[in-house]
Amino acid sequence: MIPVRSLNDRAVALFGLGGSGLATARALIAGGARVTAWDDSPASVEKAAAEGIPTGDLRAADWSAFAALVLAPGVPLTHPEPHWSVTRAQAAGVEVIGDIELFCRERRAAVRRPPFAAITGTNGKSTTTALLAHLMRAGGRDAQIGGNFGPAILGLEPWKQGRVYVIECSSYQVDLAPSLDPAVGILLNLSPDHIDRHGTMEHYAAVKERLIAGIEAGGTAVIGVDDEWSRAIADRAQAAGKNVVRVSVRETLDDGIWLDGTDLAVNEKGARVFTLPLAGIGSLRGAHNAQNAAAAFAAARALGLAPEVIAAGMRSFPGLAHRMEQVRTIGDVLFVNDSKATNADAAERALVSFDDIFWIAGGKPKEGGIAPLAPYFPRVRKAYLIGVAAEEFAATLGQDVAFEMCGTLDVAVARAARDAAASGLAHPVVLLSPACASFDQYRNFEVRGDAFRDLVNALSPA
C-alpha cells in the first residue's frame, strides 16, 4: 500500500467502494485522513464498514467540512450528467479527484521521485502496460503494475530504490487527475469510445491529451501517430517542447519507431539505429501488437533499458488473457479468446491477424456496430452471432458473410468448432472477438472470456 499523507488530518469524502475505492480508502486512512466513504450500493457500504472503513451517507453530510471528494473512476464526472456526489462537491467548492491524482501528489512529495510510466489510448493499453512491465522485469527492474489494469494504484508497494511504476490510465482516471505528471507517457491511439461518458469525441481526445501535456520536465512522450487525433496531439506536444517519440505501423518515420515488414525499425534523424524482429513472437501477432511493442520499446528505452535487453524481453512476453489469447488447438483448429475486443476498432486488430476465421461476435452493441469491419469480411468463413447485437450484426453481414443466429456463447462455440473442424482448411481459427460490450449477458469481458475458455477446454479432442 502507498499511504496518502497529503491529506493527513483532513476530512475526505470518498464515493465508490469497488476494488479501487476500497484500496483508496485504506491508503487515505493509513496516511491519516479522516475518511467518510459511501456508495449507492448498500452491500458495498456494508462490506467497507465490516472492514473498518468509516462510512456515512454523503447525501446528509456537511460538504463544507471536506477537503476533497475522491471519486471512483466508474462514477460519472461530467456525462451523461455529473453524479450527485460530484454536484454536492462542486456546489461546496470541494475539489473532485481520483486515486491516480493522489498517487501523483505522493510521488511529488517523495525525496526521490520513482520512475512512473502512464499508458493510455482507446485500444492496446493493457497489452502495452503488461509488456512494458515485463520488459522492465526482464531488464532486472522491480516493476509495479496497476491502475486500470491489475491492482488499484494505491494498493501497490510503496517507493524504494530501483522500483518503477507502470500504470494503465483510462480516460475516466485521467479526467480525475488534474496534475498527472508521469516521467514517460504513452498515448497509443484514439477512436470513438466512451462517448456516453465524455459527450463528444473532441472532449474524449482532450481528456486523453492531458496525460501527454502533463509529462514532467525531461520526460518522454510516446505517441502513436496513425490516427489524426493522436497525430495532432504529438504535434502540439513537440511544439510545447516535449521530447516526443512517434510510433507508426502505417508509415516510415525518419524519427521514431515504425513497422518495416515484420520488423520494428528504430530511426533517429533518418538513420536506422536498431532493428527488432517480431516474426515468431506469437503473443505480439498483428499490426496492433506491433504498435504496442513499438510503444513499449520506446518507453523502456526512456526508462534506461538497452535495446538488446528490450529485444530479449519481447521474445519472452507471454501475452495477456482475453487479448488474442491462444486458448487451445484441436486438430488443425486454433481457438482464440479476444473477449477484450469490446468495439469494432479492437475487433479489427484480430480480424487482420488471421485468415479463415469462424467469428463469434455480438453482445451489447456500441455506436457504429461492425460496419467499419466490412473490408475484413472476406477473411470470415462464417459468423456466429450472440447477444443483443445479433439482429443488427446480421443485417450488416447481409449477403457478404454466412452467419448463424446462436444467441448464447455456448451454442456459438459448439457450432463454430463443428464447422471449423469440418472445413478442410489448413489453419482455421475460431475467434471470439465480439466487437461489443459484454453487459447484456456477462458482468464484464473477463467473465465472458473465461466462459469461452471453459467451453473450449471442455470440447472433445479431435
Protein backbone atom coordinates (compact mmCIF):
# COMPACT_ATOMS: atom_id res chain seq x y z
CA MET A 1 0.00 0.00 0.00
CA ILE A 2 1.06 3.58 -0.72
CA PRO A 3 -0.16 5.72 2.22
CA VAL A 4 -1.68 9.04 1.16
CA ARG A 5 -0.16 11.59 3.54
CA SER A 6 -1.05 14.70 1.54
CA LEU A 7 -4.49 14.72 3.19
CA ASN A 8 -3.30 13.92 6.71
CA ASP A 9 -5.80 15.10 9.34
CA ARG A 10 -8.15 16.41 6.63
CA ALA A 11 -11.75 15.34 6.20
CA VAL A 12 -12.17 13.49 2.90
CA ALA A 13 -15.32 12.25 1.21
CA LEU A 14 -14.91 9.09 -0.83
CA PHE A 15 -17.56 7.80 -3.20
CA GLY A 16 -17.42 4.39 -4.88
CA LEU A 17 -16.48 1.30 -2.91
CA GLY A 18 -15.42 -1.17 -5.55
CA GLY A 19 -11.88 -2.52 -5.65
CA SER A 20 -10.13 0.78 -6.33
CA GLY A 21 -12.37 2.63 -3.86
CA LEU A 22 -11.54 0.24 -1.05
CA ALA A 23 -7.81 0.44 -1.83
CA THR A 24 -8.01 4.24 -1.87
CA ALA A 25 -9.87 4.33 1.44
CA ARG A 26 -7.20 2.15 3.05
CA ALA A 27 -4.42 4.35 1.70
CA LEU A 28 -6.10 7.56 2.89
CA ILE A 29 -6.67 6.13 6.36
CA ALA A 30 -3.07 4.89 6.52
CA GLY A 31 -1.93 8.43 5.71
CA GLY A 32 -4.01 9.98 8.47
CA ALA A 33 -7.03 11.29 6.55
CA ARG A 34 -10.47 11.34 8.17
CA VAL A 35 -12.49 9.41 5.63
CA THR A 36 -16.25 9.26 5.13
CA ALA A 37 -16.95 6.63 2.48
CA TRP A 38 -20.20 5.90 0.67
CA ASP A 39 -21.67 4.08 -2.31
CA ASP A 40 -25.07 3.81 -3.96
CA SER A 41 -24.91 0.06 -3.27
CA PRO A 42 -25.83 -0.83 0.34
CA ALA A 43 -23.90 -4.10 0.01
CA SER A 44 -20.72 -2.18 -0.89
CA VAL A 45 -21.18 0.14 2.10
CA GLU A 46 -21.71 -2.85 4.37
CA LYS A 47 -18.58 -4.54 3.07
CA ALA A 48 -16.47 -1.42 3.66
CA ALA A 49 -17.86 -0.92 7.16
CA ALA A 50 -17.11 -4.56 8.02
CA GLU A 51 -13.51 -3.86 7.04
CA GLY A 52 -13.34 -0.94 9.43
CA ILE A 53 -13.61 1.84 6.84
CA PRO A 54 -15.66 4.76 8.24
CA THR A 55 -18.87 5.12 6.26
CA GLY A 56 -21.58 7.75 6.22
CA ASP A 57 -24.37 8.89 3.94
CA LEU A 58 -22.78 11.67 1.91
CA ARG A 59 -26.22 12.96 0.92
CA ALA A 60 -26.63 14.15 4.51
CA ALA A 61 -23.03 15.31 5.01
CA ASP A 62 -21.75 18.84 5.63
CA TRP A 63 -19.74 19.25 2.45
CA SER A 64 -18.08 22.43 3.66
CA ALA A 65 -16.03 20.28 6.02
CA PHE A 66 -14.40 18.19 3.26
CA ALA A 67 -11.02 18.95 1.73
CA ALA A 68 -11.71 16.70 -1.28
CA LEU A 69 -14.09 14.24 -2.87
CA VAL A 70 -12.20 11.18 -4.06
CA LEU A 71 -14.33 9.64 -6.78
CA ALA A 72 -14.10 6.12 -8.17
CA PRO A 73 -13.41 6.21 -11.93
CA GLY A 74 -16.60 4.33 -12.78
CA VAL A 75 -18.76 7.15 -11.39
CA PRO A 76 -19.84 9.82 -13.93
CA LEU A 77 -17.91 13.07 -13.57
CA THR A 78 -19.46 15.07 -16.43
CA HIS A 79 -21.63 12.93 -18.75
CA PRO A 80 -24.34 11.95 -19.24
CA GLU A 81 -24.66 14.12 -16.13
CA PRO A 82 -22.50 14.52 -13.02
CA HIS A 83 -23.18 12.07 -10.23
CA TRP A 84 -24.99 13.61 -7.27
CA SER A 85 -21.82 13.43 -5.15
CA VAL A 86 -19.97 15.49 -7.77
CA THR A 87 -22.76 18.07 -7.80
CA ARG A 88 -22.65 18.35 -4.00
CA ALA A 89 -18.86 18.71 -4.01
CA GLN A 90 -18.82 21.35 -6.73
CA ALA A 91 -21.54 23.37 -5.03
CA ALA A 92 -19.38 23.46 -1.88
CA GLY A 93 -16.18 24.31 -3.76
CA VAL A 94 -14.65 20.92 -2.94
CA GLU A 95 -12.13 19.51 -5.43
CA VAL A 96 -13.06 16.23 -7.14
CA ILE A 97 -10.11 13.91 -7.75
CA GLY A 98 -9.26 10.22 -8.13
CA ASP A 99 -6.68 7.71 -7.00
CA ILE A 100 -4.22 8.48 -9.81
CA GLU A 101 -4.13 12.11 -8.65
CA LEU A 102 -3.41 11.02 -5.08
CA PHE A 103 -0.57 8.81 -6.32
CA CYS A 104 0.92 11.73 -8.27
CA ARG A 105 0.82 14.01 -5.23
CA GLU A 106 2.56 11.43 -3.06
CA ARG A 107 5.17 10.83 -5.76
CA ARG A 108 5.95 14.55 -6.00
CA ALA A 109 6.42 14.66 -2.22
CA ALA A 110 8.91 11.78 -2.25
CA VAL A 111 12.57 12.54 -1.54
CA ARG A 112 13.41 10.85 -4.86
CA ARG A 113 10.62 10.59 -7.40
CA PRO A 114 10.29 6.98 -8.53
CA PRO A 115 10.12 6.37 -12.29
CA PHE A 116 6.49 6.42 -13.42
CA ALA A 117 5.16 5.40 -16.83
CA ALA A 118 1.49 6.09 -17.62
CA ILE A 119 -0.22 4.39 -20.57
CA THR A 120 -3.48 5.39 -22.24
CA GLY A 121 -5.27 5.05 -25.57
CA THR A 122 -8.52 3.65 -26.88
CA ASN A 123 -7.10 0.21 -27.62
CA GLY A 124 -3.99 -1.74 -26.69
CA LYS A 125 -3.22 -0.06 -23.39
CA SER A 126 -3.49 -3.20 -21.24
CA THR A 127 -1.17 -5.19 -23.51
CA THR A 128 1.29 -2.30 -23.65
CA THR A 129 1.18 -1.88 -19.88
CA ALA A 130 1.81 -5.58 -19.29
CA LEU A 131 4.52 -5.68 -21.95
CA LEU A 132 6.37 -2.66 -20.56
CA ALA A 133 6.28 -4.11 -17.04
CA HIS A 134 7.54 -7.42 -18.44
CA LEU A 135 10.39 -5.67 -20.25
CA MET A 136 11.41 -3.79 -17.11
CA ARG A 137 11.43 -7.01 -15.09
CA ALA A 138 13.37 -8.79 -17.83
CA GLY A 139 15.88 -5.98 -17.51
CA GLY A 140 16.27 -6.60 -13.80
CA ARG A 141 13.99 -3.79 -12.57
CA ASP A 142 11.33 -4.04 -9.88
CA ALA A 143 8.20 -3.09 -11.83
CA GLN A 144 4.91 -2.41 -10.08
CA ILE A 145 1.96 -2.68 -12.46
CA GLY A 146 -1.58 -1.47 -11.84
CA GLY A 147 -4.15 1.25 -12.32
CA ASN A 148 -6.92 0.48 -14.79
CA PHE A 149 -5.25 -2.90 -15.38
CA GLY A 150 -4.33 -5.04 -12.41
CA PRO A 151 -4.28 -3.84 -8.80
CA ALA A 152 -5.51 -0.37 -7.85
CA ILE A 153 -2.63 2.08 -7.95
CA LEU A 154 -2.66 2.90 -4.23
CA GLY A 155 -2.61 -0.81 -3.39
CA LEU A 156 0.85 -1.19 -4.96
CA GLU A 157 4.06 -1.45 -2.97
CA PRO A 158 5.50 1.90 -1.75
CA TRP A 159 8.60 3.58 -3.14
CA LYS A 160 12.05 2.10 -2.86
CA GLN A 161 15.28 2.47 -4.79
CA GLY A 162 15.05 0.97 -8.29
CA ARG A 163 11.29 0.45 -8.29
CA VAL A 164 9.34 1.65 -11.34
CA TYR A 165 5.57 2.12 -11.65
CA VAL A 166 3.86 1.08 -14.88
CA ILE A 167 0.28 2.33 -14.76
CA GLU A 168 -2.60 1.96 -17.20
CA CYS A 169 -4.85 5.02 -17.16
CA SER A 170 -8.40 5.05 -18.52
CA SER A 171 -9.93 8.28 -19.73
CA TYR A 172 -12.03 8.32 -16.55
CA GLN A 173 -8.90 8.17 -14.40
CA VAL A 174 -7.11 10.87 -16.40
CA ASP A 175 -10.18 13.08 -16.03
CA LEU A 176 -9.83 12.79 -12.24
CA ALA A 177 -6.07 13.51 -12.21
CA PRO A 178 -5.57 17.23 -12.95
CA SER A 179 -1.86 17.16 -12.10
CA LEU A 180 -0.97 13.85 -13.76
CA ASP A 181 2.78 14.10 -14.47
CA PRO A 182 4.45 10.82 -15.48
CA ALA A 183 8.10 10.56 -16.44
CA VAL A 184 7.03 8.58 -19.51
CA GLY A 185 3.59 8.98 -21.05
CA ILE A 186 2.24 6.70 -23.76
CA LEU A 187 -0.75 7.58 -25.96
CA LEU A 188 -1.32 4.67 -28.31
CA ASN A 189 -4.31 5.71 -30.41
CA LEU A 190 -7.69 7.40 -30.33
CA SER A 191 -11.01 6.34 -31.84
CA PRO A 192 -14.62 6.88 -30.70
CA ASP A 193 -15.23 5.16 -27.36
CA HIS A 194 -16.90 6.07 -24.06
CA ILE A 195 -18.62 8.99 -25.78
CA ASP A 196 -21.55 8.48 -23.40
CA ARG A 197 -19.19 9.46 -20.58
CA HIS A 198 -17.39 12.32 -22.36
CA GLY A 199 -20.10 13.84 -24.54
CA THR A 200 -18.07 14.30 -27.74
CA MET A 201 -15.03 12.85 -29.43
CA GLU A 202 -13.34 16.23 -29.01
CA HIS A 203 -13.76 16.11 -25.24
CA TYR A 204 -12.66 12.47 -25.07
CA ALA A 205 -9.47 13.30 -27.00
CA ALA A 206 -8.84 16.39 -24.87
CA VAL A 207 -9.03 14.30 -21.71
CA LYS A 208 -6.55 11.76 -23.10
CA GLU A 209 -4.20 14.58 -24.14
CA ARG A 210 -3.81 15.65 -20.52
CA LEU A 211 -1.62 12.61 -19.89
CA ILE A 212 0.81 13.84 -22.54
CA ALA A 213 0.59 17.54 -21.68
CA GLY A 214 1.45 16.84 -18.06
CA ILE A 215 4.66 14.87 -18.60
CA GLU A 216 7.30 16.08 -16.17
CA ALA A 217 10.29 18.16 -17.25
CA GLY A 218 12.84 15.95 -19.00
CA GLY A 219 10.29 13.21 -19.54
CA THR A 220 9.29 11.42 -22.74
CA ALA A 221 6.01 11.30 -24.65
CA VAL A 222 5.48 8.19 -26.76
CA ILE A 223 2.62 8.73 -29.21
CA GLY A 224 1.11 6.55 -31.92
CA VAL A 225 0.55 8.77 -34.95
CA ASP A 226 -1.66 6.55 -37.11
CA ASP A 227 -4.87 8.47 -36.36
CA GLU A 228 -5.48 12.18 -36.86
CA TRP A 229 -6.35 12.86 -33.22
CA SER A 230 -3.13 11.40 -31.84
CA ARG A 231 -1.02 12.91 -34.63
CA ALA A 232 -2.29 16.38 -33.72
CA ILE A 233 -1.51 15.72 -30.06
CA ALA A 234 2.05 14.70 -30.98
CA ASP A 235 2.49 17.90 -32.97
CA ARG A 236 1.24 20.03 -30.08
CA ALA A 237 3.44 18.22 -27.58
CA GLN A 238 6.53 18.75 -29.73
CA ALA A 239 5.65 22.41 -30.24
CA ALA A 240 5.40 22.73 -26.45
CA GLY A 241 8.97 21.46 -26.08
CA LYS A 242 8.21 17.88 -25.03
CA ASN A 243 10.53 15.05 -26.01
CA VAL A 244 8.26 13.13 -28.39
CA VAL A 245 8.86 9.64 -29.79
CA ARG A 246 6.43 8.89 -32.62
CA VAL A 247 5.24 5.36 -33.34
CA SER A 248 3.63 4.11 -36.56
CA VAL A 249 2.63 0.81 -38.13
CA ARG A 250 1.47 2.52 -41.35
CA GLU A 251 4.25 4.82 -42.47
CA THR A 252 8.01 5.24 -42.46
CA LEU A 253 9.30 7.60 -39.79
CA ASP A 254 12.61 9.40 -40.10
CA ASP A 255 12.48 9.90 -36.34
CA GLY A 256 10.58 7.29 -34.38
CA ILE A 257 9.70 3.61 -34.39
CA TRP A 258 7.82 2.07 -37.32
CA LEU A 259 6.83 -1.29 -38.72
CA ASP A 260 9.04 -2.38 -41.60
CA GLY A 261 7.55 -5.66 -42.80
CA THR A 262 7.74 -7.86 -39.70
CA ASP A 263 10.44 -5.80 -38.02
CA LEU A 264 10.33 -2.77 -35.78
CA ALA A 265 12.66 -0.14 -37.21
CA VAL A 266 14.09 2.45 -34.83
CA ASN A 267 15.14 5.57 -36.72
CA GLU A 268 16.84 8.69 -35.44
CA LYS A 269 17.34 11.66 -37.80
CA GLY A 270 16.76 9.42 -40.81
CA ALA A 271 19.26 6.74 -39.79
CA ARG A 272 18.40 3.20 -38.66
CA VAL A 273 19.82 2.67 -35.17
CA PHE A 274 18.16 -0.62 -34.25
CA THR A 275 16.01 -3.35 -35.79
CA LEU A 276 13.80 -5.62 -33.70
CA PRO A 277 12.30 -8.66 -35.49
CA LEU A 278 8.75 -9.54 -34.38
CA ALA A 279 8.24 -12.59 -36.60
CA GLY A 280 7.68 -15.69 -34.50
CA ILE A 281 6.55 -13.85 -31.36
CA GLY A 282 3.01 -15.28 -31.16
CA SER A 283 1.98 -13.02 -28.29
CA LEU A 284 2.68 -9.98 -30.48
CA ARG A 285 0.90 -11.12 -33.64
CA GLY A 286 -0.67 -8.43 -35.83
CA ALA A 287 -0.10 -4.78 -36.64
CA HIS A 288 -1.90 -3.64 -33.50
CA ASN A 289 0.54 -5.58 -31.35
CA ALA A 290 3.40 -4.14 -33.37
CA GLN A 291 2.13 -0.72 -32.28
CA ASN A 292 2.03 -1.91 -28.67
CA ALA A 293 5.53 -3.34 -28.96
CA ALA A 294 6.92 -0.17 -30.54
CA ALA A 295 5.43 1.99 -27.78
CA ALA A 296 6.74 -0.32 -25.06
CA PHE A 297 10.17 -0.35 -26.72
CA ALA A 298 10.31 3.46 -26.72
CA ALA A 299 9.17 3.67 -23.10
CA ALA A 300 11.62 1.02 -21.92
CA ARG A 301 14.49 2.90 -23.60
CA ALA A 302 13.35 6.11 -21.93
CA LEU A 303 13.41 4.25 -18.61
CA GLY A 304 17.00 3.19 -19.16
CA LEU A 305 16.99 -0.27 -20.76
CA ALA A 306 19.36 -1.12 -23.60
CA PRO A 307 17.79 -2.08 -26.96
CA GLU A 308 19.28 -5.57 -26.85
CA VAL A 309 17.77 -6.19 -23.40
CA ILE A 310 14.39 -4.98 -24.62
CA ALA A 311 14.55 -7.25 -27.68
CA ALA A 312 15.22 -10.29 -25.48
CA GLY A 313 12.32 -9.32 -23.23
CA MET A 314 9.96 -9.06 -26.21
CA ARG A 315 10.70 -12.64 -27.19
CA SER A 316 9.73 -13.95 -23.75
CA PHE A 317 6.46 -11.98 -23.40
CA PRO A 318 3.60 -14.46 -22.73
CA GLY A 319 0.75 -12.16 -23.75
CA LEU A 320 -2.49 -11.39 -21.92
CA ALA A 321 -5.66 -13.27 -21.20
CA HIS A 322 -8.62 -12.11 -23.34
CA ARG A 323 -6.36 -10.24 -25.80
CA MET A 324 -5.93 -12.60 -28.76
CA GLU A 325 -5.20 -15.32 -26.22
CA GLN A 326 -4.42 -18.60 -27.94
CA VAL A 327 -6.52 -20.94 -25.80
CA ARG A 328 -6.12 -24.30 -27.47
CA THR A 329 -5.57 -26.11 -30.75
CA ILE A 330 -7.81 -29.06 -31.53
CA GLY A 331 -6.65 -30.84 -34.67
CA ASP A 332 -5.98 -28.00 -37.09
CA VAL A 333 -8.37 -25.56 -35.37
CA LEU A 334 -6.93 -22.73 -33.27
CA PHE A 335 -9.28 -21.21 -30.67
CA VAL A 336 -8.57 -17.56 -29.83
CA ASN A 337 -10.07 -15.59 -26.94
CA ASP A 338 -10.24 -11.90 -27.83
CA SER A 339 -13.05 -11.01 -25.43
CA LYS A 340 -11.35 -7.69 -24.70
CA ALA A 341 -12.42 -6.53 -28.18
CA THR A 342 -15.44 -4.57 -26.99
CA ASN A 343 -15.69 -2.30 -30.05
CA ALA A 344 -15.15 -2.59 -33.79
CA ASP A 345 -11.75 -0.92 -33.71
CA ALA A 346 -10.47 -3.53 -31.26
CA ALA A 347 -12.02 -6.41 -33.21
CA GLU A 348 -10.31 -5.16 -36.38
CA ARG A 349 -6.97 -5.95 -34.80
CA ALA A 350 -7.89 -9.61 -34.54
CA LEU A 351 -9.57 -9.89 -37.93
CA VAL A 352 -6.48 -8.61 -39.73
CA SER A 353 -4.27 -11.12 -37.87
CA PHE A 354 -5.88 -14.32 -39.12
CA ASP A 355 -7.31 -15.89 -42.28
CA ASP A 356 -10.13 -18.44 -42.46
CA ILE A 357 -11.96 -17.12 -39.41
CA PHE A 358 -15.03 -18.65 -37.77
CA TRP A 359 -16.07 -15.49 -35.97
CA ILE A 360 -18.10 -15.29 -32.75
CA ALA A 361 -19.44 -11.75 -32.41
CA GLY A 362 -22.12 -9.86 -30.55
CA GLY A 363 -23.17 -8.66 -27.13
CA LYS A 364 -24.24 -5.16 -26.15
CA PRO A 365 -23.53 -3.08 -29.28
CA LYS A 366 -21.60 0.15 -29.44
CA GLU A 367 -22.06 3.07 -31.79
CA GLY A 368 -21.30 2.15 -35.39
CA GLY A 369 -21.67 -1.59 -34.89
CA ILE A 370 -19.48 -3.72 -37.18
CA ALA A 371 -20.00 -1.73 -40.40
CA PRO A 372 -16.38 -0.42 -40.24
CA LEU A 373 -15.17 -4.04 -40.37
CA ALA A 374 -16.60 -4.72 -43.84
CA PRO A 375 -13.15 -4.67 -45.54
CA TYR A 376 -12.21 -7.72 -43.46
CA PHE A 377 -15.35 -9.76 -44.09
CA PRO A 378 -13.58 -11.77 -46.83
CA ARG A 379 -11.41 -13.28 -44.08
CA VAL A 380 -14.51 -14.61 -42.30
CA ARG A 381 -15.74 -18.03 -43.38
CA LYS A 382 -18.79 -17.81 -41.13
CA ALA A 383 -20.07 -15.69 -38.24
CA TYR A 384 -21.86 -16.90 -35.12
CA LEU A 385 -23.94 -14.12 -33.60
CA ILE A 386 -24.84 -13.75 -29.94
CA GLY A 387 -26.48 -11.26 -27.61
CA VAL A 388 -28.49 -8.11 -28.15
CA ALA A 389 -26.46 -7.13 -31.22
CA ALA A 390 -27.23 -10.30 -33.19
CA GLU A 391 -30.01 -8.86 -35.34
CA GLU A 392 -28.07 -5.65 -36.08
CA PHE A 393 -24.92 -7.59 -36.97
CA ALA A 394 -26.87 -9.99 -39.18
CA ALA A 395 -28.22 -7.03 -41.14
CA THR A 396 -24.70 -5.68 -41.60
CA LEU A 397 -23.29 -9.02 -42.73
CA GLY A 398 -26.17 -9.44 -45.16
CA GLN A 399 -25.18 -11.49 -48.17
CA ASP A 400 -21.46 -10.93 -47.69
CA VAL A 401 -20.82 -13.40 -44.85
CA ALA A 402 -22.61 -16.61 -43.93
CA PHE A 403 -23.89 -16.46 -40.37
CA GLU A 404 -25.91 -18.29 -37.73
CA MET A 405 -28.04 -16.73 -35.02
CA CYS A 406 -26.74 -18.50 -31.93
CA GLY A 407 -27.97 -16.31 -29.10
CA THR A 408 -25.57 -17.54 -26.44
CA LEU A 409 -21.86 -18.24 -26.31
CA ASP A 410 -22.16 -21.96 -25.60
CA VAL A 411 -24.20 -22.50 -28.76
CA ALA A 412 -21.78 -20.35 -30.78
CA VAL A 413 -18.68 -22.21 -29.61
CA ALA A 414 -20.17 -25.61 -30.35
CA ARG A 415 -21.30 -24.65 -33.85
CA ALA A 416 -18.11 -22.78 -34.74
CA ALA A 417 -15.95 -25.67 -33.53
CA ARG A 418 -18.04 -28.12 -35.59
CA ASP A 419 -17.81 -26.06 -38.78
CA ALA A 420 -14.11 -25.23 -38.42
CA ALA A 421 -13.21 -28.89 -37.89
CA ALA A 422 -15.21 -29.92 -40.96
CA SER A 423 -13.90 -27.11 -43.17
CA GLY A 424 -10.83 -28.89 -44.52
CA LEU A 425 -8.88 -25.64 -44.24
CA ALA A 426 -5.22 -25.72 -43.30
CA HIS A 427 -5.40 -23.22 -40.43
CA PRO A 428 -8.98 -22.45 -39.39
CA VAL A 429 -9.44 -20.13 -36.40
CA VAL A 430 -12.43 -19.97 -34.07
CA LEU A 431 -12.22 -16.38 -32.92
CA LEU A 432 -14.19 -14.79 -30.11
CA SER A 433 -13.80 -11.10 -30.92
CA PRO A 434 -17.24 -9.71 -30.05
CA ALA A 435 -16.93 -6.04 -31.11
CA CYS A 436 -19.40 -5.43 -28.28
CA ALA A 437 -19.60 -4.83 -24.57
CA SER A 438 -20.48 -7.91 -22.53
CA PHE A 439 -23.07 -6.42 -20.21
CA ASP A 440 -26.13 -8.00 -21.83
CA GLN A 441 -25.04 -11.48 -20.74
CA TYR A 442 -21.84 -11.17 -18.67
CA ARG A 443 -20.62 -8.93 -15.86
CA ASN A 444 -17.52 -7.92 -17.82
CA PHE A 445 -15.33 -9.01 -20.72
CA GLU A 446 -13.15 -11.12 -18.39
CA VAL A 447 -16.09 -13.26 -17.33
CA ARG A 448 -17.10 -13.62 -20.99
CA GLY A 449 -13.57 -14.65 -21.95
CA ASP A 450 -13.34 -17.10 -19.06
CA ALA A 451 -16.61 -18.67 -20.21
CA PHE A 452 -15.21 -19.03 -23.74
CA ARG A 453 -12.03 -20.63 -22.41
CA ASP A 454 -14.00 -23.09 -20.28
CA LEU A 455 -16.23 -24.03 -23.22
CA VAL A 456 -13.26 -24.60 -25.49
CA ASN A 457 -11.39 -26.66 -22.90
CA ALA A 458 -14.48 -28.81 -22.47
CA LEU A 459 -14.54 -29.71 -26.17
CA SER A 460 -13.52 -33.26 -27.05
CA PRO A 461 -10.10 -33.67 -28.67
CA ALA A 462 -10.05 -34.21 -32.40
